[in-house]
Protein backbone atom coordinates (compact mmCIF):
# COMPACT_ATOMS: atom_id res chain seq x y z
CA MET A 1 -0.83 -5.97 -6.46
CA GLY A 2 -2.22 -9.41 -7.20
CA HIS A 3 -5.78 -8.89 -5.93
CA PRO A 4 -7.97 -8.52 -9.03
CA THR A 5 -11.55 -7.28 -8.62
CA SER A 6 -14.31 -5.86 -10.77
CA GLU A 7 -17.41 -3.74 -10.18
CA ALA A 8 -19.29 -7.03 -9.54
CA LEU A 9 -17.32 -7.75 -6.33
CA HIS A 10 -19.41 -8.80 -3.32
CA VAL A 11 -17.74 -9.45 0.04
CA THR A 12 -19.55 -11.00 3.02
CA GLU A 13 -18.00 -11.01 6.49
CA ARG A 14 -19.58 -13.02 9.29
CA PHE A 15 -18.39 -12.72 12.87
CA ARG A 16 -19.38 -15.41 15.37
CA ARG A 17 -18.46 -15.20 19.04
CA ARG A 18 -17.75 -18.79 20.08
CA ASP A 19 -17.23 -17.92 23.76
CA PHE A 20 -15.61 -15.20 25.86
CA GLY A 21 -12.29 -14.38 24.26
CA HIS A 22 -12.76 -16.33 21.01
CA MET A 23 -14.33 -15.22 17.74
CA GLU A 24 -14.60 -16.76 14.29
CA LEU A 25 -14.41 -14.57 11.17
CA HIS A 26 -15.76 -16.11 7.95
CA ILE A 27 -15.18 -14.13 4.73
CA THR A 28 -16.74 -14.95 1.35
CA ILE A 29 -15.47 -13.30 -1.85
CA ASP A 30 -17.78 -13.40 -4.86
CA ASP A 31 -16.76 -11.68 -8.09
CA PRO A 32 -18.15 -13.58 -11.11
CA LYS A 33 -16.25 -11.37 -13.57
CA VAL A 34 -12.88 -12.32 -12.03
CA PHE A 35 -13.27 -15.75 -10.38
CA THR A 36 -14.98 -18.88 -11.72
CA LYS A 37 -16.72 -19.41 -8.36
CA ALA A 38 -17.02 -17.72 -4.98
CA TRP A 39 -14.37 -18.58 -2.40
CA SER A 40 -14.16 -18.19 1.34
CA ALA A 41 -11.76 -18.27 4.26
CA THR A 42 -12.20 -18.66 8.02
CA GLU A 43 -9.96 -17.18 10.67
CA ASP A 44 -10.04 -17.81 14.41
CA LEU A 45 -9.50 -14.68 16.49
CA GLU A 46 -8.52 -14.46 20.16
CA LEU A 47 -8.92 -11.69 22.69
CA VAL A 48 -5.57 -10.31 23.81
CA PRO A 49 -6.26 -8.54 27.12
CA ASN A 50 -4.54 -5.30 28.17
CA THR A 51 -3.58 -4.32 24.61
CA GLU A 52 -4.65 -1.57 22.24
CA LEU A 53 -6.86 -2.28 19.26
CA ILE A 54 -4.85 -1.56 16.13
CA GLU A 55 -6.91 -0.15 13.29
CA PHE A 56 -6.12 -1.27 9.74
CA VAL A 57 -6.86 1.33 7.09
CA CYS A 58 -6.33 1.11 3.35
CA ASN A 59 -6.29 4.63 1.98
CA GLU A 60 -6.48 4.25 -1.79
CA ASN A 61 -3.93 1.41 -1.68
CA GLU A 62 -1.49 3.49 0.40
CA GLN A 63 -0.61 0.92 3.07
CA ASP A 64 2.73 2.26 4.20
CA VAL A 65 3.37 3.69 7.68
CA LYS A 66 3.08 7.37 6.71
CA HIS A 67 -0.55 6.81 5.67
CA MET A 68 -1.60 4.95 8.83
CA PRO A 69 -3.73 6.83 11.39
CA GLY A 70 -2.45 7.56 14.89
CA LYS A 71 0.98 8.38 16.25
């Protein structure tokens, strides 16, 4: 589905809590058999009070609703 990887894939995730209610997620993707160099992305995350945490699960690439956990 457009996300090539090999057995050499290495993913690093770094979470940094900037202050109460704010977190930074830094992801580095390194797969020398697929990409010419490692690449990374940063995402700013915010606490949303009084909500449920929604779990994301990828079950052998089955990402449709019937394969999601919960109700």
